[in-house]
Amino acid sequence: MKYISSTYEILAWRCMDKSIDENWSNWAIEMLQAGFETEHLAQIIILEKPLNQFELKWLADKILNELSLKFNDCKKALLDYASYLMHQAFENKITFIKALSLIKELYLFLDYEYELSEFYELYHAKIDLEENGIQFYHQEATKENIDFIIFEEFSSWLEKYPINYC
């Protein structure tokens, strides 16, 4: 049985120590619908406010452990998440600029991870071109070709770092 694709997102969020919220509930519902059952998976579906993050993170860790999902290699988990985001953009589930924005955050979280630097620069180039018509982040990027460059960089990345949906 294969994990659902948003598992990459969940692992990344856990690596980044983001708050447990209704997105985790949505993921848990999809996992149950996909046939996964663990002792604790159903418990995260019913989040009662106020949310106690300490307890929820303990529960999230239990669920990930029960599903044999490891997030101890955060760099790998976040690079896989970058690939997932690019797939999402190609599938029109998110915009390319949204994917770039989230990958930019990964770049910063990973302390300026060289492998993601191109996407950081492309994000700022795209924003500057939209807002000012000029940019100084990417030597070849213009208003006319920035979207093509982004498309090509995503394609190239996915050739080097393909993901199999868990």
N, C-alpha and C. Protein backbone atom coordinates (compact mmCIF):
# COMPACT_ATOMS: atom_id res chain seq x y z
N MET A 1 0.85 -1.18 0.00
CA MET A 1 0.00 0.00 0.00
C MET A 1 0.90 1.24 0.00
N LYS A 2 0.54 2.22 -0.81
CA LYS A 2 1.34 3.44 -0.91
C LYS A 2 0.71 4.57 -0.10
N TYR A 3 1.56 5.35 0.52
CA TYR A 3 1.10 6.52 1.26
C TYR A 3 0.54 7.55 0.29
N ILE A 4 -0.33 8.40 0.76
CA ILE A 4 -0.87 9.46 -0.09
C ILE A 4 0.21 10.52 -0.31
N SER A 5 0.08 11.25 -1.40
CA SER A 5 1.15 12.18 -1.80
C SER A 5 1.41 13.29 -0.80
N SER A 6 0.38 13.75 -0.11
CA SER A 6 0.59 14.85 0.84
C SER A 6 1.40 14.42 2.07
N THR A 7 1.78 13.16 2.14
CA THR A 7 2.65 12.70 3.22
C THR A 7 3.98 13.45 3.17
N TYR A 8 4.44 13.81 1.95
CA TYR A 8 5.67 14.60 1.84
C TYR A 8 5.53 15.93 2.56
N GLU A 9 4.36 16.52 2.43
CA GLU A 9 4.10 17.80 3.09
C GLU A 9 4.08 17.64 4.60
N ILE A 10 3.42 16.60 5.07
CA ILE A 10 3.32 16.34 6.51
C ILE A 10 4.71 16.12 7.11
N LEU A 11 5.54 15.32 6.44
CA LEU A 11 6.89 15.07 6.94
C LEU A 11 7.71 16.37 6.97
N ALA A 12 7.55 17.19 5.94
CA ALA A 12 8.28 18.46 5.91
C ALA A 12 7.83 19.36 7.06
N TRP A 13 6.53 19.46 7.26
CA TRP A 13 6.02 20.30 8.34
C TRP A 13 6.53 19.82 9.69
N ARG A 14 6.58 18.49 9.86
CA ARG A 14 7.07 17.97 11.14
C ARG A 14 8.55 18.28 11.31
N CYS A 15 9.32 18.15 10.23
CA CYS A 15 10.74 18.50 10.29
C CYS A 15 10.94 19.96 10.67
N MET A 16 10.07 20.80 10.14
CA MET A 16 10.19 22.23 10.39
C MET A 16 9.53 22.63 11.71
N ASP A 17 8.97 21.66 12.42
CA ASP A 17 8.33 21.86 13.70
C ASP A 17 7.17 22.86 13.60
N LYS A 18 6.42 22.76 12.50
CA LYS A 18 5.25 23.63 12.34
C LYS A 18 4.12 23.14 13.22
N SER A 19 3.21 24.03 13.52
CA SER A 19 2.07 23.68 14.36
C SER A 19 1.22 22.61 13.71
N ILE A 20 0.67 21.75 14.55
CA ILE A 20 -0.28 20.74 14.10
C ILE A 20 -1.63 21.44 13.98
N ASP A 21 -2.26 21.31 12.82
CA ASP A 21 -3.53 22.00 12.60
C ASP A 21 -4.47 21.11 11.79
N GLU A 22 -5.51 21.72 11.24
CA GLU A 22 -6.51 20.94 10.49
C GLU A 22 -5.93 20.28 9.23
N ASN A 23 -4.81 20.75 8.74
CA ASN A 23 -4.17 20.08 7.60
C ASN A 23 -3.76 18.66 7.97
N TRP A 24 -3.33 18.48 9.20
CA TRP A 24 -3.00 17.14 9.68
C TRP A 24 -4.26 16.28 9.73
N SER A 25 -5.36 16.86 10.16
CA SER A 25 -6.63 16.12 10.19
C SER A 25 -7.03 15.68 8.79
N ASN A 26 -6.91 16.59 7.83
CA ASN A 26 -7.24 16.26 6.44
C ASN A 26 -6.36 15.12 5.92
N TRP A 27 -5.07 15.19 6.24
CA TRP A 27 -4.14 14.14 5.83
C TRP A 27 -4.54 12.82 6.47
N ALA A 28 -4.88 12.83 7.75
CA ALA A 28 -5.26 11.62 8.46
C ALA A 28 -6.52 11.00 7.85
N ILE A 29 -7.48 11.83 7.50
CA ILE A 29 -8.70 11.34 6.85
C ILE A 29 -8.35 10.64 5.54
N GLU A 30 -7.50 11.28 4.73
CA GLU A 30 -7.09 10.67 3.45
C GLU A 30 -6.34 9.37 3.67
N MET A 31 -5.51 9.33 4.70
CA MET A 31 -4.77 8.10 5.00
C MET A 31 -5.73 6.98 5.40
N LEU A 32 -6.72 7.29 6.22
CA LEU A 32 -7.72 6.29 6.61
C LEU A 32 -8.50 5.81 5.40
N GLN A 33 -8.86 6.75 4.52
CA GLN A 33 -9.59 6.38 3.30
C GLN A 33 -8.74 5.51 2.38
N ALA A 34 -7.43 5.70 2.44
CA ALA A 34 -6.51 4.91 1.62
C ALA A 34 -6.25 3.53 2.23
N GLY A 35 -6.81 3.28 3.40
CA GLY A 35 -6.68 1.97 4.01
C GLY A 35 -5.68 1.85 5.14
N PHE A 36 -5.11 2.95 5.55
CA PHE A 36 -4.15 2.92 6.66
C PHE A 36 -4.91 3.03 7.97
N GLU A 37 -4.55 2.19 8.90
CA GLU A 37 -5.15 2.26 10.23
C GLU A 37 -4.05 2.04 11.26
N THR A 38 -4.00 2.93 12.22
CA THR A 38 -3.06 2.78 13.33
C THR A 38 -3.83 3.09 14.60
N GLU A 39 -3.20 2.84 15.68
CA GLU A 39 -3.84 3.07 16.98
C GLU A 39 -4.19 4.56 17.16
N HIS A 40 -3.35 5.45 16.64
CA HIS A 40 -3.52 6.88 16.92
C HIS A 40 -3.99 7.73 15.74
N LEU A 41 -4.03 7.19 14.54
CA LEU A 41 -4.33 8.00 13.35
C LEU A 41 -5.68 8.69 13.46
N ALA A 42 -6.69 7.99 13.89
CA ALA A 42 -8.02 8.59 13.97
C ALA A 42 -8.10 9.69 15.02
N GLN A 43 -7.23 9.63 16.02
CA GLN A 43 -7.28 10.62 17.10
C GLN A 43 -6.95 12.03 16.63
N ILE A 44 -6.11 12.14 15.61
CA ILE A 44 -5.70 13.49 15.17
C ILE A 44 -6.76 14.14 14.29
N ILE A 45 -7.75 13.36 13.89
CA ILE A 45 -8.82 13.91 13.05
C ILE A 45 -9.69 14.87 13.83
N ILE A 46 -9.92 14.55 15.08
CA ILE A 46 -10.81 15.38 15.90
C ILE A 46 -9.95 16.30 16.76
N LEU A 47 -9.67 17.47 16.22
CA LEU A 47 -8.87 18.45 16.95
C LEU A 47 -9.80 19.38 17.72
N GLU A 48 -9.62 19.41 19.00
CA GLU A 48 -10.44 20.28 19.84
C GLU A 48 -9.64 21.52 20.22
N LYS A 49 -10.30 22.66 20.12
CA LYS A 49 -9.63 23.91 20.46
C LYS A 49 -9.87 24.22 21.92
N PRO A 50 -8.95 24.81 22.61
CA PRO A 50 -7.65 25.25 22.10
C PRO A 50 -6.71 24.05 21.88
N LEU A 51 -5.91 24.16 20.85
CA LEU A 51 -5.00 23.08 20.50
C LEU A 51 -3.79 23.09 21.41
N ASN A 52 -3.49 21.97 21.99
CA ASN A 52 -2.31 21.82 22.82
C ASN A 52 -1.20 21.25 21.94
N GLN A 53 -0.31 22.10 21.47
CA GLN A 53 0.71 21.68 20.52
C GLN A 53 1.65 20.63 21.09
N PHE A 54 1.92 20.70 22.37
CA PHE A 54 2.80 19.70 22.99
C PHE A 54 2.20 18.31 22.83
N GLU A 55 0.92 18.17 23.18
CA GLU A 55 0.24 16.88 23.06
C GLU A 55 0.08 16.46 21.60
N LEU A 56 -0.24 17.42 20.74
CA LEU A 56 -0.45 17.11 19.33
C LEU A 56 0.85 16.67 18.65
N LYS A 57 1.95 17.27 19.02
CA LYS A 57 3.24 16.86 18.43
C LYS A 57 3.62 15.46 18.91
N TRP A 58 3.31 15.15 20.16
CA TRP A 58 3.54 13.80 20.66
C TRP A 58 2.70 12.82 19.86
N LEU A 59 1.42 13.16 19.64
CA LEU A 59 0.51 12.30 18.88
C LEU A 59 0.99 12.16 17.43
N ALA A 60 1.41 13.25 16.82
CA ALA A 60 1.91 13.21 15.44
C ALA A 60 3.12 12.29 15.34
N ASP A 61 4.02 12.39 16.28
CA ASP A 61 5.21 11.53 16.27
C ASP A 61 4.82 10.06 16.43
N LYS A 62 3.83 9.78 17.28
CA LYS A 62 3.35 8.41 17.45
C LYS A 62 2.80 7.88 16.12
N ILE A 63 2.00 8.71 15.45
CA ILE A 63 1.39 8.30 14.18
C ILE A 63 2.46 8.04 13.13
N LEU A 64 3.41 8.94 13.01
CA LEU A 64 4.47 8.77 12.02
C LEU A 64 5.28 7.51 12.31
N ASN A 65 5.53 7.25 13.58
CA ASN A 65 6.26 6.04 13.98
C ASN A 65 5.45 4.79 13.65
N GLU A 66 4.16 4.81 13.95
CA GLU A 66 3.31 3.66 13.65
C GLU A 66 3.25 3.36 12.15
N LEU A 67 3.35 4.41 11.34
CA LEU A 67 3.31 4.25 9.88
C LEU A 67 4.70 4.03 9.28
N SER A 68 5.71 3.96 10.16
CA SER A 68 7.12 3.80 9.74
C SER A 68 7.57 4.94 8.82
N LEU A 69 7.09 6.14 9.11
CA LEU A 69 7.49 7.33 8.36
C LEU A 69 8.53 8.08 9.18
N LYS A 70 9.72 8.16 8.64
CA LYS A 70 10.82 8.78 9.36
C LYS A 70 11.02 10.22 8.87
N PHE A 71 11.29 11.09 9.80
CA PHE A 71 11.61 12.47 9.45
C PHE A 71 12.91 12.91 10.11
N ASN A 72 13.76 11.95 10.47
CA ASN A 72 15.02 12.30 11.13
C ASN A 72 16.04 12.86 10.15
N ASP A 73 15.90 12.58 8.85
CA ASP A 73 16.76 13.20 7.83
C ASP A 73 15.98 14.35 7.22
N CYS A 74 16.02 15.48 7.93
CA CYS A 74 15.20 16.63 7.52
C CYS A 74 15.58 17.16 6.14
N LYS A 75 16.86 17.16 5.84
CA LYS A 75 17.25 17.67 4.52
C LYS A 75 16.59 16.84 3.43
N LYS A 76 16.65 15.53 3.54
CA LYS A 76 16.01 14.67 2.54
C LYS A 76 14.51 14.91 2.50
N ALA A 77 13.88 14.98 3.66
CA ALA A 77 12.44 15.20 3.71
C ALA A 77 12.05 16.53 3.05
N LEU A 78 12.86 17.56 3.26
CA LEU A 78 12.54 18.87 2.69
C LEU A 78 12.83 18.93 1.20
N LEU A 79 13.87 18.24 0.74
CA LEU A 79 14.13 18.17 -0.69
C LEU A 79 13.05 17.36 -1.40
N ASP A 80 12.57 16.30 -0.76
CA ASP A 80 11.44 15.53 -1.30
C ASP A 80 10.20 16.42 -1.37
N TYR A 81 10.01 17.24 -0.35
CA TYR A 81 8.87 18.17 -0.33
C TYR A 81 8.99 19.18 -1.47
N ALA A 82 10.19 19.64 -1.76
CA ALA A 82 10.38 20.55 -2.89
C ALA A 82 9.95 19.85 -4.18
N SER A 83 10.32 18.61 -4.36
CA SER A 83 9.89 17.85 -5.54
C SER A 83 8.37 17.71 -5.57
N TYR A 84 7.80 17.43 -4.43
CA TYR A 84 6.34 17.32 -4.32
C TYR A 84 5.67 18.64 -4.76
N LEU A 85 6.20 19.75 -4.30
CA LEU A 85 5.63 21.06 -4.65
C LEU A 85 5.71 21.30 -6.16
N MET A 86 6.82 20.90 -6.76
CA MET A 86 6.95 21.06 -8.20
C MET A 86 5.94 20.20 -8.95
N HIS A 87 5.74 18.98 -8.47
CA HIS A 87 4.69 18.12 -9.05
C HIS A 87 3.34 18.79 -8.92
N GLN A 88 3.07 19.36 -7.76
CA GLN A 88 1.79 20.03 -7.54
C GLN A 88 1.59 21.17 -8.54
N ALA A 89 2.66 21.90 -8.84
CA ALA A 89 2.57 23.00 -9.81
C ALA A 89 2.29 22.44 -11.21
N PHE A 90 3.00 21.39 -11.59
CA PHE A 90 2.77 20.79 -12.91
C PHE A 90 1.36 20.23 -13.04
N GLU A 91 0.79 19.79 -11.93
CA GLU A 91 -0.57 19.24 -11.94
C GLU A 91 -1.63 20.31 -11.73
N ASN A 92 -1.20 21.58 -11.72
CA ASN A 92 -2.10 22.73 -11.53
C ASN A 92 -2.87 22.70 -10.22
N LYS A 93 -2.27 22.09 -9.20
CA LYS A 93 -2.89 22.09 -7.88
C LYS A 93 -2.46 23.31 -7.08
N ILE A 94 -1.28 23.85 -7.41
CA ILE A 94 -0.83 25.13 -6.89
C ILE A 94 -0.17 25.87 -8.05
N THR A 95 -0.02 27.18 -7.91
CA THR A 95 0.64 27.95 -8.96
C THR A 95 2.15 27.76 -8.87
N PHE A 96 2.83 28.05 -9.95
CA PHE A 96 4.29 27.95 -9.94
C PHE A 96 4.89 28.95 -8.96
N ILE A 97 4.31 30.14 -8.86
CA ILE A 97 4.84 31.14 -7.93
C ILE A 97 4.61 30.69 -6.48
N LYS A 98 3.50 30.02 -6.20
CA LYS A 98 3.26 29.49 -4.85
C LYS A 98 4.29 28.41 -4.53
N ALA A 99 4.57 27.53 -5.50
CA ALA A 99 5.59 26.50 -5.29
C ALA A 99 6.94 27.15 -5.03
N LEU A 100 7.29 28.16 -5.83
CA LEU A 100 8.56 28.87 -5.63
C LEU A 100 8.62 29.52 -4.26
N SER A 101 7.53 30.11 -3.84
CA SER A 101 7.49 30.77 -2.53
C SER A 101 7.74 29.77 -1.40
N LEU A 102 7.12 28.61 -1.49
CA LEU A 102 7.32 27.59 -0.46
C LEU A 102 8.72 27.00 -0.51
N ILE A 103 9.26 26.82 -1.71
CA ILE A 103 10.63 26.30 -1.85
C ILE A 103 11.63 27.33 -1.33
N LYS A 104 11.34 28.60 -1.55
CA LYS A 104 12.19 29.66 -1.00
C LYS A 104 12.27 29.55 0.52
N GLU A 105 11.14 29.24 1.16
CA GLU A 105 11.13 29.06 2.61
C GLU A 105 11.98 27.85 3.02
N LEU A 106 11.95 26.80 2.23
CA LEU A 106 12.79 25.63 2.51
C LEU A 106 14.27 26.00 2.42
N TYR A 107 14.60 26.78 1.41
CA TYR A 107 15.97 27.25 1.21
C TYR A 107 16.46 27.99 2.46
N LEU A 108 15.64 28.87 2.97
CA LEU A 108 16.01 29.63 4.16
C LEU A 108 16.05 28.74 5.39
N PHE A 109 15.07 27.85 5.53
CA PHE A 109 15.04 26.96 6.69
C PHE A 109 16.27 26.07 6.72
N LEU A 110 16.72 25.62 5.55
CA LEU A 110 17.90 24.75 5.46
C LEU A 110 19.20 25.56 5.44
N ASP A 111 19.12 26.79 5.91
CA ASP A 111 20.30 27.63 6.04
C ASP A 111 21.01 27.84 4.70
N TYR A 112 20.22 28.28 3.72
CA TYR A 112 20.73 28.62 2.39
C TYR A 112 21.29 27.40 1.65
N GLU A 113 20.50 26.34 1.64
CA GLU A 113 20.86 25.09 0.97
C GLU A 113 21.14 25.36 -0.51
N TYR A 114 22.37 25.10 -0.92
CA TYR A 114 22.81 25.40 -2.28
C TYR A 114 21.89 24.80 -3.34
N GLU A 115 21.44 23.57 -3.12
CA GLU A 115 20.62 22.90 -4.11
C GLU A 115 19.31 23.64 -4.41
N LEU A 116 18.87 24.46 -3.49
CA LEU A 116 17.62 25.20 -3.68
C LEU A 116 17.83 26.67 -4.04
N SER A 117 19.08 27.09 -4.15
CA SER A 117 19.37 28.51 -4.37
C SER A 117 18.78 29.04 -5.68
N GLU A 118 18.77 28.23 -6.71
CA GLU A 118 18.21 28.66 -8.00
C GLU A 118 16.75 29.05 -7.86
N PHE A 119 16.01 28.33 -7.04
CA PHE A 119 14.58 28.60 -6.87
C PHE A 119 14.35 29.86 -6.03
N TYR A 120 15.23 30.10 -5.09
CA TYR A 120 15.18 31.33 -4.31
C TYR A 120 15.36 32.53 -5.25
N GLU A 121 16.36 32.43 -6.11
CA GLU A 121 16.63 33.51 -7.06
C GLU A 121 15.49 33.68 -8.06
N LEU A 122 14.96 32.57 -8.55
CA LEU A 122 13.85 32.65 -9.50
C LEU A 122 12.61 33.25 -8.86
N TYR A 123 12.36 32.93 -7.61
CA TYR A 123 11.21 33.52 -6.92
C TYR A 123 11.35 35.04 -6.90
N HIS A 124 12.50 35.52 -6.46
CA HIS A 124 12.69 36.97 -6.36
C HIS A 124 12.75 37.63 -7.74
N ALA A 125 13.30 36.95 -8.71
CA ALA A 125 13.31 37.48 -10.08
C ALA A 125 11.89 37.64 -10.59
N LYS A 126 11.07 36.64 -10.40
CA LYS A 126 9.67 36.68 -10.85
C LYS A 126 8.92 37.81 -10.17
N ILE A 127 9.06 37.94 -8.87
CA ILE A 127 8.37 39.00 -8.13
C ILE A 127 8.83 40.37 -8.61
N ASP A 128 10.14 40.56 -8.72
CA ASP A 128 10.66 41.86 -9.16
C ASP A 128 10.22 42.19 -10.58
N LEU A 129 10.19 41.22 -11.46
CA LEU A 129 9.73 41.47 -12.82
C LEU A 129 8.26 41.85 -12.85
N GLU A 130 7.46 41.21 -12.02
CA GLU A 130 6.04 41.56 -11.96
C GLU A 130 5.82 42.95 -11.38
N GLU A 131 6.57 43.28 -10.35
CA GLU A 131 6.35 44.55 -9.66
C GLU A 131 7.09 45.72 -10.29
N ASN A 132 8.31 45.49 -10.80
CA ASN A 132 9.14 46.59 -11.27
C ASN A 132 9.54 46.49 -12.74
N GLY A 133 9.34 45.32 -13.33
CA GLY A 133 9.75 45.13 -14.72
C GLY A 133 11.24 44.89 -14.88
N ILE A 134 11.97 44.84 -13.79
CA ILE A 134 13.42 44.62 -13.83
C ILE A 134 13.81 43.77 -12.63
N GLN A 135 14.86 42.97 -12.81
CA GLN A 135 15.32 42.13 -11.71
C GLN A 135 16.83 41.93 -11.83
N PHE A 136 17.44 41.60 -10.70
CA PHE A 136 18.89 41.39 -10.66
C PHE A 136 19.27 40.05 -10.03
N TYR A 137 18.34 39.12 -10.00
CA TYR A 137 18.59 37.82 -9.36
C TYR A 137 19.04 36.74 -10.32
N HIS A 138 18.49 36.77 -11.52
CA HIS A 138 18.77 35.71 -12.48
C HIS A 138 19.20 36.37 -13.78
N GLN A 139 20.41 36.10 -14.19
CA GLN A 139 21.04 36.81 -15.31
C GLN A 139 20.22 36.76 -16.60
N GLU A 140 19.61 35.62 -16.89
CA GLU A 140 18.93 35.46 -18.17
C GLU A 140 17.44 35.79 -18.13
N ALA A 141 16.88 35.99 -16.97
CA ALA A 141 15.43 36.13 -16.84
C ALA A 141 14.93 37.51 -17.25
N THR A 142 13.90 37.48 -18.09
CA THR A 142 13.18 38.69 -18.50
C THR A 142 11.70 38.44 -18.27
N LYS A 143 10.91 39.48 -18.43
CA LYS A 143 9.46 39.32 -18.29
C LYS A 143 8.93 38.29 -19.28
N GLU A 144 9.55 38.25 -20.45
CA GLU A 144 9.07 37.37 -21.51
C GLU A 144 9.43 35.90 -21.27
N ASN A 145 10.54 35.63 -20.60
CA ASN A 145 10.98 34.23 -20.49
C ASN A 145 11.01 33.66 -19.07
N ILE A 146 10.65 34.43 -18.07
CA ILE A 146 10.78 33.96 -16.69
C ILE A 146 9.95 32.71 -16.44
N ASP A 147 8.73 32.66 -16.96
CA ASP A 147 7.89 31.49 -16.73
C ASP A 147 8.49 30.25 -17.39
N PHE A 148 9.06 30.41 -18.57
CA PHE A 148 9.70 29.29 -19.25
C PHE A 148 10.92 28.81 -18.45
N ILE A 149 11.70 29.75 -17.93
CA ILE A 149 12.88 29.38 -17.13
C ILE A 149 12.45 28.59 -15.89
N ILE A 150 11.40 29.07 -15.23
CA ILE A 150 10.90 28.37 -14.04
C ILE A 150 10.45 26.96 -14.41
N PHE A 151 9.70 26.85 -15.50
CA PHE A 151 9.23 25.55 -15.97
C PHE A 151 10.40 24.62 -16.24
N GLU A 152 11.42 25.12 -16.91
CA GLU A 152 12.60 24.31 -17.24
C GLU A 152 13.38 23.91 -15.99
N GLU A 153 13.50 24.81 -15.03
CA GLU A 153 14.22 24.49 -13.79
C GLU A 153 13.47 23.44 -12.97
N PHE A 154 12.15 23.55 -12.93
CA PHE A 154 11.36 22.53 -12.24
C PHE A 154 11.54 21.18 -12.93
N SER A 155 11.47 21.17 -14.25
CA SER A 155 11.63 19.92 -15.01
C SER A 155 13.00 19.31 -14.76
N SER A 156 14.02 20.13 -14.80
CA SER A 156 15.39 19.66 -14.58
C SER A 156 15.54 19.09 -13.18
N TRP A 157 15.00 19.77 -12.19
CA TRP A 157 15.06 19.29 -10.80
C TRP A 157 14.41 17.91 -10.69
N LEU A 158 13.23 17.78 -11.28
CA LEU A 158 12.49 16.52 -11.15
C LEU A 158 13.17 15.37 -11.88
N GLU A 159 13.97 15.67 -12.87
CA GLU A 159 14.77 14.63 -13.51
C GLU A 159 15.86 14.13 -12.56
N LYS A 160 16.44 15.07 -11.81
CA LYS A 160 17.51 14.70 -10.86
C LYS A 160 16.96 14.15 -9.56
N TYR A 161 15.84 14.67 -9.11
CA TYR A 161 15.26 14.31 -7.81
C TYR A 161 13.81 13.85 -7.96
N PRO A 162 13.61 12.77 -8.68
CA PRO A 162 12.21 12.30 -8.82
C PRO A 162 11.71 11.73 -7.50
N ILE A 163 10.43 11.81 -7.33
CA ILE A 163 9.83 11.19 -6.15
C ILE A 163 8.81 10.17 -6.62
N ASN A 164 8.78 9.10 -5.90
CA ASN A 164 7.72 8.12 -6.09
C ASN A 164 6.75 8.37 -4.98
N TYR A 165 5.52 8.56 -5.34
CA TYR A 165 4.56 8.89 -4.30
C TYR A 165 4.54 7.79 -3.26
N CYS A 166 5.43 7.99 -2.29
CA CYS A 166 5.64 7.12 -1.14
C CYS A 166 5.42 5.69 -1.57
